[in-house]
Amino acid sequence: MIIAVDAAGGDYAPYEIVKGAIKAAQEYKVDIALVGRKSVLHVLASRHLNKAGITIIDASQTIELHESPVKAVSSKPDSSIVVGINLVRDGVVSAFVSAGNSGAVVCAALFSLGRIEGIKRPAICGIINITPSAPVFLIDAGANVDCRPEYLVQFAELGTIYTRQLLDISSPRVGLLSNGEEEAKGNRLIRESHKLLKKSNVNFIGNVEGQDISKRTADVIVTDGFTGNIVVKTMEGLSDTFLNSLRQVGQRISGALHGHGLLHTVGLSSWAKRIDYREYGGACLLGVNGNIIIAHGRSQARAIKNAIGLAKQTVERDVCQMIKEESRKQATAIDDSNFDK
């Protein structure tokens, strides 16, 4: 298995990206192809080339975070994002991980890989609450700002396949994010999506509210990309603020505890990790013909390492192929239904 990593994308590129990739190669026993400026990457990773399964793929251009995705992808064919995704398209690598411009990643994936047949819109499936054995997935976390009810139904189907493959849950519970549990609550998109989800084949449990996210009321939470992205960013901000406050208090008290850290002493270390987005690293772009992981723009080494771990799981569980098979089954069922009529 070879996983390509965008070494030019993100706030801490290239140093932290390379550092995380090397750790991933050592821990997960996967080969890594670093994509970026060869001269720079060779200096950073020269000690690990070949020995740790690290190779370098030259990409002379970089898509910055502020650039327009469509324009940047079209005008920068030798950017690390476009080159990395083309490696997936050509079968050279099994997956691509990027902490760069997420809009450009989605755009390049659509242009180069295309959508899986039958998929109307690809969606980002992000982990928003981590527990030792059962994370909660939110879809869409930002790929589609404007949605139709049928898109949300398909997001529920994609999220169900992904969760079933990664967590071995035979029938993941699907909830629709709304401002109330009642069926009549929500805007027009939510109300119409609710009606369609009730008729779908997913294990739909109804509407869920914001406070239900941390309670694990559902395994998959469905929403449009505009709302989903706000939810994810809000939770990340609260996580950062809480963890920083906790560490500051811990530093003040550690002297009284003879140098022992507060988190470790009161048994909060493992819990603190669960709310830290760096522990799960990234989100999977579902619905395109390839394995694409979008990492947070502020990802440092630990987050990149874990994003590569998620990519490895996604490849091993053959998620992309499962989506293709499910999509074919549904298309066949629709054709049979029309024939019967």
C-alpha atoms as a PDB file:
ATOM      1  CA  MET A   1       0.000   0.000   0.000  1.00  0.00           C
ATOM      2  CA  ILE A   2       1.307   3.434  -0.974  1.00  0.00           C
ATOM      3  CA  ILE A   3      -0.354   6.552   0.416  1.00  0.00           C
ATOM      4  CA  ALA A   4       0.385   9.920  -1.200  1.00  0.00           C
ATOM      5  CA  VAL A   5       0.604  12.898   1.154  1.00  0.00           C
ATOM      6  CA  ASP A   6       0.331  16.556   0.170  1.00  0.00           C
ATOM      7  CA  ALA A   7       3.548  17.897   1.711  1.00  0.00           C
ATOM      8  CA  ALA A   8       2.835  21.466   0.551  1.00  0.00           C
ATOM      9  CA  GLY A   9      -0.674  21.889   1.977  1.00  0.00           C
ATOM     10  CA  GLY A  10      -1.629  23.249   5.389  1.00  0.00           C
ATOM     11  CA  ASP A  11      -0.474  25.864   7.876  1.00  0.00           C
ATOM     12  CA  TYR A  12       2.516  23.822   9.044  1.00  0.00           C
ATOM     13  CA  ALA A  13       3.744  22.453   5.724  1.00  0.00           C
ATOM     14  CA  PRO A  14       6.174  21.091   4.865  1.00  0.00           C
ATOM     15  CA  TYR A  15       8.009  20.311   8.126  1.00  0.00           C
ATOM     16  CA  GLU A  16       5.097  18.989  10.229  1.00  0.00           C
ATOM     17  CA  ILE A  17       3.626  17.127   7.265  1.00  0.00           C
ATOM     18  CA  VAL A  18       6.887  15.310   6.611  1.00  0.00           C
ATOM     19  CA  LYS A  19       7.332  14.591  10.310  1.00  0.00           C
ATOM     20  CA  GLY A  20       3.838  13.071  10.562  1.00  0.00           C
ATOM     21  CA  ALA A  21       4.301  11.072   7.360  1.00  0.00           C
ATOM     22  CA  ILE A  22       7.537   9.524   8.628  1.00  0.00           C
ATOM     23  CA  LYS A  23       5.842   8.567  11.905  1.00  0.00           C
ATOM     24  CA  ALA A  24       2.962   7.005   9.977  1.00  0.00           C
ATOM     25  CA  ALA A  25       5.317   5.007   7.761  1.00  0.00           C
ATOM     26  CA  GLN A  26       7.043   3.622  10.845  1.00  0.00           C
ATOM     27  CA  GLU A  27       3.902   2.938  12.887  1.00  0.00           C
ATOM     28  CA  TYR A  28       1.467   1.724  10.211  1.00  0.00           C
ATOM     29  CA  LYS A  29       4.036  -0.006   7.982  1.00  0.00           C
ATOM     30  CA  VAL A  30       2.835   1.733   4.829  1.00  0.00           C
ATOM     31  CA  ASP A  31       4.838   3.328   2.033  1.00  0.00           C
ATOM     32  CA  ILE A  32       4.477   7.095   1.758  1.00  0.00           C
ATOM     33  CA  ALA A  33       4.848   9.250  -1.348  1.00  0.00           C
ATOM     34  CA  LEU A  34       5.479  12.857  -0.323  1.00  0.00           C
ATOM     35  CA  VAL A  35       4.150  15.253  -2.977  1.00  0.00           C
ATOM     36  CA  GLY A  36       5.721  18.708  -3.184  1.00  0.00           C
ATOM     37  CA  ARG A  37       8.880  20.563  -4.115  1.00  0.00           C
ATOM     38  CA  LYS A  38      11.510  17.868  -4.456  1.00  0.00           C
ATOM     39  CA  SER A  39      14.436  20.069  -3.421  1.00  0.00           C
ATOM     40  CA  VAL A  40      12.763  21.019  -0.132  1.00  0.00           C
ATOM     41  CA  LEU A  41      11.434  17.561   0.697  1.00  0.00           C
ATOM     42  CA  HIS A  42      14.740  15.895  -0.027  1.00  0.00           C
ATOM     43  CA  VAL A  43      16.379  18.025   2.672  1.00  0.00           C
ATOM     44  CA  LEU A  44      13.644  17.244   5.224  1.00  0.00           C
ATOM     45  CA  ALA A  45      13.297  13.525   4.522  1.00  0.00           C
ATOM     46  CA  SER A  46      16.687  12.501   3.142  1.00  0.00           C
ATOM     47  CA  ARG A  47      17.552  10.303   6.144  1.00  0.00           C
ATOM     48  CA  HIS A  48      14.354   8.309   5.718  1.00  0.00           C
ATOM     49  CA  LEU A  49      14.235   7.874   1.941  1.00  0.00           C
ATOM     50  CA  ASN A  50      13.853   4.213   0.932  1.00  0.00           C
ATOM     51  CA  LYS A  51      14.760   3.017   4.440  1.00  0.00           C
ATOM     52  CA  ALA A  52      11.374   4.007   5.907  1.00  0.00           C
ATOM     53  CA  GLY A  53       9.407   3.506   2.711  1.00  0.00           C
ATOM     54  CA  ILE A  54       9.405   7.239   1.943  1.00  0.00           C
ATOM     55  CA  THR A  55       9.606   8.483  -1.648  1.00  0.00           C
ATOM     56  CA  ILE A  56       9.241  11.950  -3.155  1.00  0.00           C
ATOM     57  CA  ILE A  57       7.032  12.997  -6.066  1.00  0.00           C
ATOM     58  CA  ASP A  58       7.931  16.416  -7.442  1.00  0.00           C
ATOM     59  CA  ALA A  59       5.204  19.060  -7.705  1.00  0.00           C
ATOM     60  CA  SER A  60       6.420  22.553  -8.509  1.00  0.00           C
ATOM     61  CA  GLN A  61       3.219  24.444  -7.660  1.00  0.00           C
ATOM     62  CA  THR A  62       1.186  24.997  -4.480  1.00  0.00           C
ATOM     63  CA  ILE A  63      -2.492  25.908  -4.152  1.00  0.00           C
ATOM     64  CA  GLU A  64      -2.822  28.383  -1.290  1.00  0.00           C
ATOM     65  CA  LEU A  65      -5.725  28.310   1.157  1.00  0.00           C
ATOM     66  CA  HIS A  66      -7.152  31.644  -0.053  1.00  0.00           C
ATOM     67  CA  GLU A  67      -7.280  30.693  -3.749  1.00  0.00           C
ATOM     68  CA  SER A  68     -10.462  29.938  -5.666  1.00  0.00           C
ATOM     69  CA  PRO A  69     -10.634  26.122  -5.945  1.00  0.00           C
ATOM     70  CA  VAL A  70     -11.806  25.849  -9.570  1.00  0.00           C
ATOM     71  CA  LYS A  71      -9.450  28.518 -10.854  1.00  0.00           C
ATOM     72  CA  ALA A  72      -6.479  27.155  -8.894  1.00  0.00           C
ATOM     73  CA  VAL A  73      -6.990  23.541  -9.987  1.00  0.00           C
ATOM     74  CA  SER A  74      -7.306  24.628 -13.626  1.00  0.00           C
ATOM     75  CA  SER A  75      -4.326  26.999 -13.599  1.00  0.00           C
ATOM     76  CA  LYS A  76      -1.951  24.877 -11.487  1.00  0.00           C
ATOM     77  CA  PRO A  77      -1.761  21.395 -13.050  1.00  0.00           C
ATOM     78  CA  ASP A  78       1.574  20.735 -11.313  1.00  0.00           C
ATOM     79  CA  SER A  79       0.300  21.599  -7.833  1.00  0.00           C
ATOM     80  CA  SER A  80       0.725  19.067  -5.028  1.00  0.00           C
ATOM     81  CA  ILE A  81      -3.054  18.563  -4.824  1.00  0.00           C
ATOM     82  CA  VAL A  82      -3.590  17.897  -8.530  1.00  0.00           C
ATOM     83  CA  VAL A  83      -0.473  15.717  -8.832  1.00  0.00           C
ATOM     84  CA  GLY A  84      -1.411  13.707  -5.723  1.00  0.00           C
ATOM     85  CA  ILE A  85      -4.969  13.045  -6.869  1.00  0.00           C
ATOM     86  CA  ASN A  86      -3.741  12.094 -10.339  1.00  0.00           C
ATOM     87  CA  LEU A  87      -1.570   9.451  -8.665  1.00  0.00           C
ATOM     88  CA  VAL A  88      -4.769   7.941  -7.233  1.00  0.00           C
ATOM     89  CA  ARG A  89      -6.451   8.135 -10.638  1.00  0.00           C
ATOM     90  CA  ASP A  90      -3.545   6.346 -12.308  1.00  0.00           C
ATOM     91  CA  GLY A  91      -3.410   3.581  -9.702  1.00  0.00           C
ATOM     92  CA  VAL A  92       0.083   4.538  -8.549  1.00  0.00           C
ATOM     93  CA  VAL A  93      -1.091   5.088  -4.956  1.00  0.00           C
ATOM     94  CA  SER A  94      -4.000   3.729  -2.921  1.00  0.00           C
ATOM     95  CA  ALA A  95      -5.031   7.011  -1.257  1.00  0.00           C
ATOM     96  CA  PHE A  96      -4.237  10.715  -1.019  1.00  0.00           C
ATOM     97  CA  VAL A  97      -4.096  12.817   2.163  1.00  0.00           C
ATOM     98  CA  SER A  98      -4.098  16.619   2.127  1.00  0.00           C
ATOM     99  CA  ALA A  99      -4.314  19.386   4.725  1.00  0.00           C
ATOM    100  CA  GLY A 100      -4.379  21.972   1.959  1.00  0.00           C
ATOM    101  CA  ASN A 101      -7.230  23.922   0.368  1.00  0.00           C
ATOM    102  CA  SER A 102     -10.180  21.562   0.952  1.00  0.00           C
ATOM    103  CA  GLY A 103     -12.256  23.128  -1.809  1.00  0.00           C
ATOM    104  CA  ALA A 104      -9.413  22.507  -4.244  1.00  0.00           C
ATOM    105  CA  VAL A 105      -9.134  18.881  -3.065  1.00  0.00           C
ATOM    106  CA  VAL A 106     -12.848  18.325  -3.705  1.00  0.00           C
ATOM    107  CA  CYS A 107     -12.661  20.116  -7.061  1.00  0.00           C
ATOM    108  CA  ALA A 108      -9.548  18.213  -8.222  1.00  0.00           C
ATOM    109  CA  ALA A 109     -11.069  14.909  -7.116  1.00  0.00           C
ATOM    110  CA  LEU A 110     -14.207  15.602  -9.154  1.00  0.00           C
ATOM    111  CA  PHE A 111     -12.229  16.672 -12.221  1.00  0.00           C
ATOM    112  CA  SER A 112      -9.675  13.866 -12.107  1.00  0.00           C
ATOM    113  CA  LEU A 113     -11.419  10.918 -10.447  1.00  0.00           C
ATOM    114  CA  GLY A 114     -15.050  11.691 -11.201  1.00  0.00           C
ATOM    115  CA  ARG A 115     -18.074  10.646  -9.200  1.00  0.00           C
ATOM    116  CA  ILE A 116     -18.974   7.027  -8.636  1.00  0.00           C
ATOM    117  CA  GLU A 117     -21.787   6.167 -11.024  1.00  0.00           C
ATOM    118  CA  GLY A 118     -25.125   6.962  -9.418  1.00  0.00           C
ATOM    119  CA  ILE A 119     -23.704   9.394  -6.859  1.00  0.00           C
ATOM    120  CA  LYS A 120     -25.222  12.847  -7.250  1.00  0.00           C
ATOM    121  CA  ARG A 121     -22.805  14.724  -4.982  1.00  0.00           C
ATOM    122  CA  PRO A 122     -19.681  13.603  -3.111  1.00  0.00           C
ATOM    123  CA  ALA A 123     -19.668  14.458   0.586  1.00  0.00           C
ATOM    124  CA  ILE A 124     -17.146  14.852   3.372  1.00  0.00           C
ATOM    125  CA  CYS A 125     -17.696  12.369   6.198  1.00  0.00           C
ATOM    126  CA  GLY A 126     -16.044  13.810   9.300  1.00  0.00           C
ATOM    127  CA  ILE A 127     -15.528  12.467  12.804  1.00  0.00           C
ATOM    128  CA  ILE A 128     -17.023  14.922  15.273  1.00  0.00           C
ATOM    129  CA  ASN A 129     -16.944  12.996  18.543  1.00  0.00           C
ATOM    130  CA  ILE A 130     -14.342  10.401  19.366  1.00  0.00           C
ATOM    131  CA  THR A 131     -14.655   7.568  21.880  1.00  0.00           C
ATOM    132  CA  PRO A 132     -12.360   4.565  22.272  1.00  0.00           C
ATOM    133  CA  SER A 133     -14.445   2.271  20.114  1.00  0.00           C
ATOM    134  CA  ALA A 134     -17.345   4.196  18.583  1.00  0.00           C
ATOM    135  CA  PRO A 135     -16.860   7.594  16.920  1.00  0.00           C
ATOM    136  CA  VAL A 136     -19.797   9.567  15.542  1.00  0.00           C
ATOM    137  CA  PHE A 137     -19.719  10.540  11.867  1.00  0.00           C
ATOM    138  CA  LEU A 138     -21.168  13.723  10.395  1.00  0.00           C
ATOM    139  CA  ILE A 139     -21.916  14.002   6.675  1.00  0.00           C
ATOM    140  CA  ASP A 140     -21.696  16.428   4.896  1.00  0.00           C
ATOM    141  CA  ALA A 141     -18.961  18.357   6.709  1.00  0.00           C
ATOM    142  CA  GLY A 142     -18.424  20.952   4.024  1.00  0.00           C
ATOM    143  CA  ALA A 143     -18.376  19.751   0.409  1.00  0.00           C
ATOM    144  CA  ASN A 144     -21.910  20.929  -0.539  1.00  0.00           C
ATOM    145  CA  VAL A 145     -23.145  24.296   0.713  1.00  0.00           C
ATOM    146  CA  ASP A 146     -26.482  24.123  -1.128  1.00  0.00           C
ATOM    147  CA  CYS A 147     -28.329  20.805  -1.039  1.00  0.00           C
ATOM    148  CA  ARG A 148     -31.524  19.133  -2.163  1.00  0.00           C
ATOM    149  CA  PRO A 149     -33.437  16.568  -0.083  1.00  0.00           C
ATOM    150  CA  GLU A 150     -32.310  13.706  -2.350  1.00  0.00           C
ATOM    151  CA  TYR A 151     -28.680  14.682  -1.690  1.00  0.00           C
ATOM    152  CA  LEU A 152     -29.161  14.297   2.056  1.00  0.00           C
ATOM    153  CA  VAL A 153     -30.697  10.859   1.545  1.00  0.00           C
ATOM    154  CA  GLN A 154     -27.648   9.836  -0.451  1.00  0.00           C
ATOM    155  CA  PHE A 155     -25.355  11.301   2.240  1.00  0.00           C
ATOM    156  CA  ALA A 156     -27.153   9.036   4.717  1.00  0.00           C
ATOM    157  CA  GLU A 157     -26.479   6.048   2.469  1.00  0.00           C
ATOM    158  CA  LEU A 158     -22.798   6.979   2.047  1.00  0.00           C
ATOM    159  CA  GLY A 159     -22.384   7.508   5.778  1.00  0.00           C
ATOM    160  CA  THR A 160     -24.051   4.183   6.485  1.00  0.00           C
ATOM    161  CA  ILE A 161     -21.659   2.301   4.194  1.00  0.00           C
ATOM    162  CA  TYR A 162     -18.614   4.093   5.626  1.00  0.00           C
ATOM    163  CA  THR A 163     -19.599   3.504   9.246  1.00  0.00           C
ATOM    164  CA  ARG A 164     -20.552  -0.108   8.585  1.00  0.00           C
ATOM    165  CA  GLN A 165     -17.191  -0.795   6.955  1.00  0.00           C
ATOM    166  CA  LEU A 166     -15.019   1.023   9.493  1.00  0.00           C
ATOM    167  CA  LEU A 167     -16.847   0.095  12.705  1.00  0.00           C
ATOM    168  CA  ASP A 168     -18.481  -3.225  11.766  1.00  0.00           C
ATOM    169  CA  ILE A 169     -21.923  -1.914  12.778  1.00  0.00           C
ATOM    170  CA  SER A 170     -24.425  -3.879  10.727  1.00  0.00           C
ATOM    171  CA  SER A 171     -27.126  -1.203  10.799  1.00  0.00           C
ATOM    172  CA  PRO A 172     -25.773   2.232  11.831  1.00  0.00           C
ATOM    173  CA  ARG A 173     -28.333   4.604  13.335  1.00  0.00           C
ATOM    174  CA  VAL A 174     -28.874   7.646  11.114  1.00  0.00           C
ATOM    175  CA  GLY A 175     -30.125  10.939  12.499  1.00  0.00           C
ATOM    176  CA  LEU A 176     -31.063  14.131  10.628  1.00  0.00           C
ATOM    177  CA  LEU A 177     -29.684  17.278  12.253  1.00  0.00           C
ATOM    178  CA  SER A 178     -32.505  19.702  13.010  1.00  0.00           C
ATOM    179  CA  ASN A 179     -33.670  22.294  15.525  1.00  0.00           C
ATOM    180  CA  GLY A 180     -36.102  19.849  17.112  1.00  0.00           C
ATOM    181  CA  GLU A 181     -36.896  16.154  17.336  1.00  0.00           C
ATOM    182  CA  GLU A 182     -40.412  16.531  15.963  1.00  0.00           C
ATOM    183  CA  GLU A 183     -40.957  15.572  12.346  1.00  0.00           C
ATOM    184  CA  ALA A 184     -42.447  18.978  11.528  1.00  0.00           C
ATOM    185  CA  LYS A 185     -39.379  20.866  12.822  1.00  0.00           C
ATOM    186  CA  GLY A 186     -36.654  22.291  10.601  1.00  0.00           C
ATOM    187  CA  ASN A 187     -36.520  24.319   7.417  1.00  0.00           C
ATOM    188  CA  ARG A 188     -37.944  23.139   4.121  1.00  0.00           C
ATOM    189  CA  LEU A 189     -34.810  21.123   3.282  1.00  0.00           C
ATOM    190  CA  ILE A 190     -34.940  19.245   6.591  1.00  0.00           C
ATOM    191  CA  ARG A 191     -38.686  18.570   6.484  1.00  0.00           C
ATOM    192  CA  GLU A 192     -38.564  17.223   2.933  1.00  0.00           C
ATOM    193  CA  SER A 193     -35.415  15.217   3.651  1.00  0.00           C
ATOM    194  CA  HIS A 194     -37.111  13.692   6.697  1.00  0.00           C
ATOM    195  CA  LYS A 195     -39.959  12.392   4.524  1.00  0.00           C
ATOM    196  CA  LEU A 196     -37.543  10.819   2.047  1.00  0.00           C
ATOM    197  CA  LEU A 197     -35.341   9.305   4.745  1.00  0.00           C
ATOM    198  CA  LYS A 198     -38.358   7.575   6.298  1.00  0.00           C
ATOM    199  CA  LYS A 199     -38.883   5.772   2.989  1.00  0.00           C
ATOM    200  CA  SER A 200     -35.195   4.945   2.476  1.00  0.00           C
ATOM    201  CA  ASN A 201     -33.329   1.744   3.327  1.00  0.00           C
ATOM    202  CA  VAL A 202     -31.102   3.319   5.987  1.00  0.00           C
ATOM    203  CA  ASN A 203     -31.741   2.851   9.712  1.00  0.00           C
ATOM    204  CA  PHE A 204     -33.300   6.300  10.127  1.00  0.00           C
ATOM    205  CA  ILE A 205     -34.110   7.189  13.756  1.00  0.00           C
ATOM    206  CA  GLY A 206     -35.534  10.662  13.049  1.00  0.00           C
ATOM    207  CA  ASN A 207     -34.375  14.172  13.804  1.00  0.00           C
ATOM    208  CA  VAL A 208     -31.545  14.828  16.244  1.00  0.00           C
ATOM    209  CA  GLU A 209     -30.575  18.131  17.842  1.00  0.00           C
ATOM    210  CA  GLY A 210     -27.196  19.702  18.502  1.00  0.00           C
ATOM    211  CA  GLN A 211     -26.975  18.395  22.048  1.00  0.00           C
ATOM    212  CA  ASP A 212     -27.473  14.838  20.797  1.00  0.00           C
ATOM    213  CA  ILE A 213     -24.140  14.855  18.968  1.00  0.00           C
ATOM    214  CA  SER A 214     -22.069  14.254  22.096  1.00  0.00           C
ATOM    215  CA  LYS A 215     -24.606  11.753  23.473  1.00  0.00           C
ATOM    216  CA  ARG A 216     -24.097   9.315  20.570  1.00  0.00           C
ATOM    217  CA  THR A 217     -27.822   9.247  19.878  1.00  0.00           C
ATOM    218  CA  ALA A 218     -26.921   8.361  16.292  1.00  0.00           C
ATOM    219  CA  ASP A 219     -23.907   6.772  14.604  1.00  0.00           C
ATOM    220  CA  VAL A 220     -24.301   8.932  11.490  1.00  0.00           C
ATOM    221  CA  ILE A 221     -25.606  12.498  11.550  1.00  0.00           C
ATOM    222  CA  VAL A 222     -26.777  13.913   8.228  1.00  0.00           C
ATOM    223  CA  THR A 223     -26.863  17.583   7.284  1.00  0.00           C
ATOM    224  CA  ASP A 224     -26.000  19.951   4.452  1.00  0.00           C
ATOM    225  CA  GLY A 225     -22.371  20.997   4.029  1.00  0.00           C
ATOM    226  CA  PHE A 226     -22.973  24.584   5.163  1.00  0.00           C
ATOM    227  CA  THR A 227     -24.417  23.541   8.523  1.00  0.00           C
ATOM    228  CA  GLY A 228     -22.047  20.597   8.897  1.00  0.00           C
ATOM    229  CA  ASN A 229     -18.941  22.707   8.442  1.00  0.00           C
ATOM    230  CA  ILE A 230     -20.133  25.189  11.076  1.00  0.00           C
ATOM    231  CA  VAL A 231     -20.816  22.328  13.507  1.00  0.00           C
ATOM    232  CA  VAL A 232     -17.350  20.825  12.994  1.00  0.00           C
ATOM    233  CA  LYS A 233     -15.538  24.182  13.303  1.00  0.00           C
ATOM    234  CA  THR A 234     -17.545  25.098  16.412  1.00  0.00           C
ATOM    235  CA  MET A 235     -16.707  21.841  18.132  1.00  0.00           C
ATOM    236  CA  GLU A 236     -13.035  22.168  17.205  1.00  0.00           C
ATOM    237  CA  GLY A 237     -12.947  25.678  18.629  1.00  0.00           C
ATOM    238  CA  LEU A 238     -14.586  24.591  21.883  1.00  0.00           C
ATOM    239  CA  SER A 239     -12.189  21.659  22.096  1.00  0.00           C
ATOM    240  CA  ASP A 240      -9.166  23.927  21.642  1.00  0.00           C
ATOM    241  CA  THR A 241     -10.412  26.424  24.237  1.00  0.00           C
ATOM    242  CA  PHE A 242     -11.267  23.768  26.803  1.00  0.00           C
ATOM    243  CA  LEU A 243      -8.032  21.837  26.402  1.00  0.00           C
ATOM    244  CA  ASN A 244      -5.916  24.986  26.611  1.00  0.00           C
ATOM    245  CA  SER A 245      -7.726  26.079  29.776  1.00  0.00           C
ATOM    246  CA  LEU A 246      -7.317  22.631  31.288  1.00  0.00           C
ATOM    247  CA  ARG A 247      -3.594  22.599  30.538  1.00  0.00           C
ATOM    248  CA  GLN A 248      -3.115  26.050  32.065  1.00  0.00           C
ATOM    249  CA  VAL A 249      -4.825  24.941  35.267  1.00  0.00           C
ATOM    250  CA  GLY A 250      -2.784  21.747  35.232  1.00  0.00           C
ATOM    251  CA  GLN A 251       0.486  23.665  34.972  1.00  0.00           C
ATOM    252  CA  ARG A 252      -0.410  25.772  37.996  1.00  0.00           C
ATOM    253  CA  ILE A 253      -1.363  22.777  40.099  1.00  0.00           C
ATOM    254  CA  SER A 254       1.412  20.438  38.936  1.00  0.00           C
ATOM    255  CA  GLY A 255       3.864  21.896  41.454  1.00  0.00           C
ATOM    256  CA  ALA A 256       1.624  20.899  44.326  1.00  0.00           C
ATOM    257  CA  LEU A 257       1.373  17.419  42.834  1.00  0.00           C
ATOM    258  CA  HIS A 258       5.164  17.020  42.790  1.00  0.00           C
ATOM    259  CA  GLY A 259       5.487  17.415  39.047  1.00  0.00           C
ATOM    260  CA  HIS A 260       2.679  15.043  38.028  1.00  0.00           C
ATOM    261  CA  GLY A 261       0.435  16.407  35.272  1.00  0.00           C
ATOM    262  CA  LEU A 262      -3.120  17.268  36.283  1.00  0.00           C
ATOM    263  CA  LEU A 263      -4.707  15.422  33.364  1.00  0.00           C
ATOM    264  CA  HIS A 264      -2.834  12.234  34.210  1.00  0.00           C
ATOM    265  CA  THR A 265      -3.393  12.545  37.963  1.00  0.00           C
ATOM    266  CA  VAL A 266      -7.166  12.940  37.807  1.00  0.00           C
ATOM    267  CA  GLY A 267      -7.560  10.429  34.988  1.00  0.00           C
ATOM    268  CA  LEU A 268      -8.485  12.883  32.240  1.00  0.00           C
ATOM    269  CA  SER A 269      -5.706  12.112  29.769  1.00  0.00           C
ATOM    270  CA  SER A 270      -7.662   9.591  27.689  1.00  0.00           C
ATOM    271  CA  TRP A 271     -10.817  11.727  27.818  1.00  0.00           C
ATOM    272  CA  ALA A 272      -8.927  14.820  26.663  1.00  0.00           C
ATOM    273  CA  LYS A 273      -7.699  12.894  23.627  1.00  0.00           C
ATOM    274  CA  ARG A 274     -11.244  12.028  22.638  1.00  0.00           C
ATOM    275  CA  ILE A 275     -12.227  15.666  22.105  1.00  0.00           C
ATOM    276  CA  ASP A 276      -8.996  16.603  20.333  1.00  0.00           C
ATOM    277  CA  TYR A 277      -9.467  16.662  16.536  1.00  0.00           C
ATOM    278  CA  ARG A 278      -5.776  15.849  16.079  1.00  0.00           C
ATOM    279  CA  GLU A 279      -6.448  12.327  17.369  1.00  0.00           C
ATOM    280  CA  TYR A 280      -8.487  11.350  14.310  1.00  0.00           C
ATOM    281  CA  GLY A 281      -6.685  13.514  11.793  1.00  0.00           C
ATOM    282  CA  GLY A 282      -9.033  13.836   8.859  1.00  0.00           C
ATOM    283  CA  ALA A 283     -12.291  13.229   7.041  1.00  0.00           C
ATOM    284  CA  CYS A 284     -13.011  11.026   4.032  1.00  0.00           C
ATOM    285  CA  LEU A 285     -14.397  12.419   0.782  1.00  0.00           C
ATOM    286  CA  LEU A 286     -17.033   9.853  -0.153  1.00  0.00           C
ATOM    287  CA  GLY A 287     -18.588   9.372  -3.570  1.00  0.00           C
ATOM    288  CA  VAL A 288     -15.551   9.886  -5.826  1.00  0.00           C
ATOM    289  CA  ASN A 289     -13.612   7.137  -7.586  1.00  0.00           C
ATOM    290  CA  GLY A 290     -10.735   6.994  -5.135  1.00  0.00           C
ATOM    291  CA  ASN A 291      -9.709   7.244  -1.507  1.00  0.00           C
ATOM    292  CA  ILE A 292      -9.263  10.901  -0.532  1.00  0.00           C
ATOM    293  CA  ILE A 293      -8.690  12.100   3.045  1.00  0.00           C
ATOM    294  CA  ILE A 294      -9.043  15.797   3.874  1.00  0.00           C
ATOM    295  CA  ALA A 295      -7.070  16.811   6.962  1.00  0.00           C
ATOM    296  CA  HIS A 296      -7.511  19.985   9.003  1.00  0.00           C
ATOM    297  CA  GLY A 297      -5.586  22.988   7.711  1.00  0.00           C
ATOM    298  CA  ARG A 298      -3.921  23.383  11.110  1.00  0.00           C
ATOM    299  CA  SER A 299      -2.755  19.774  11.161  1.00  0.00           C
ATOM    300  CA  GLN A 300       0.611  19.126  12.736  1.00  0.00           C
ATOM    301  CA  ALA A 301       2.574  15.864  12.813  1.00  0.00           C
ATOM    302  CA  ARG A 302       0.208  13.902  15.068  1.00  0.00           C
ATOM    303  CA  ALA A 303      -2.867  14.864  13.057  1.00  0.00           C
ATOM    304  CA  ILE A 304      -1.160  13.986   9.765  1.00  0.00           C
ATOM    305  CA  LYS A 305      -0.030  10.631  11.145  1.00  0.00           C
ATOM    306  CA  ASN A 306      -3.593   9.837  12.212  1.00  0.00           C
ATOM    307  CA  ALA A 307      -5.032  11.048   8.899  1.00  0.00           C
ATOM    308  CA  ILE A 308      -2.729   8.584   7.134  1.00  0.00           C
ATOM    309  CA  GLY A 309      -3.956   5.912   9.550  1.00  0.00           C
ATOM    310  CA  LEU A 310      -7.536   6.730   8.540  1.00  0.00           C
ATOM    311  CA  ALA A 311      -6.539   6.485   4.875  1.00  0.00           C
ATOM    312  CA  LYS A 312      -5.013   3.071   5.543  1.00  0.00           C
ATOM    313  CA  GLN A 313      -8.234   1.872   7.207  1.00  0.00           C
ATOM    314  CA  THR A 314     -10.339   3.219   4.352  1.00  0.00           C
ATOM    315  CA  VAL A 315      -8.232   1.343   1.795  1.00  0.00           C
ATOM    316  CA  GLU A 316      -8.111  -1.889   3.814  1.00  0.00           C
ATOM    317  CA  ARG A 317     -11.877  -1.862   4.341  1.00  0.00           C
ATOM    318  CA  ASP A 318     -12.407  -1.246   0.612  1.00  0.00           C
ATOM    319  CA  VAL A 319     -14.898   1.536   1.272  1.00  0.00           C
ATOM    320  CA  CYS A 320     -14.800   2.947  -2.266  1.00  0.00           C
ATOM    321  CA  GLN A 321     -15.583  -0.437  -3.794  1.00  0.00           C
ATOM    322  CA  MET A 322     -18.434  -1.014  -1.355  1.00  0.00           C
ATOM    323  CA  ILE A 323     -19.989   2.327  -2.349  1.00  0.00           C
ATOM    324  CA  LYS A 324     -19.731   1.325  -6.020  1.00  0.00           C
ATOM    325  CA  GLU A 325     -21.419  -2.011  -5.340  1.00  0.00           C
ATOM    326  CA  GLU A 326     -24.227  -0.446  -3.297  1.00  0.00           C
ATOM    327  CA  SER A 327     -24.768   2.189  -5.970  1.00  0.00           C
ATOM    328  CA  ARG A 328     -25.038  -0.518  -8.649  1.00  0.00           C
ATOM    329  CA  LYS A 329     -27.508  -2.482  -6.537  1.00  0.00           C
ATOM    330  CA  GLN A 330     -29.731   0.562  -6.093  1.00  0.00           C
ATOM    331  CA  ALA A 331     -29.596   1.372  -9.798  1.00  0.00           C
ATOM    332  CA  THR A 332     -30.563  -2.231 -10.613  1.00  0.00           C
ATOM    333  CA  ALA A 333     -33.426  -2.113  -8.106  1.00  0.00           C
ATOM    334  CA  ILE A 334     -34.755   1.099  -9.669  1.00  0.00           C
ATOM    335  CA  ASP A 335     -34.541  -0.379 -13.174  1.00  0.00           C
ATOM    336  CA  ASP A 336     -36.377  -3.525 -12.042  1.00  0.00           C
ATOM    337  CA  SER A 337     -39.058  -1.404 -10.388  1.00  0.00           C
ATOM    338  CA  ASN A 338     -39.590   0.624 -13.564  1.00  0.00           C
ATOM    339  CA  PHE A 339     -39.739  -2.602 -15.595  1.00  0.00           C
ATOM    340  CA  ASP A 340     -42.437  -4.023 -13.331  1.00  0.00           C
ATOM    341  CA  LYS A 341     -44.519  -0.910 -13.823  1.00  0.00           C
END
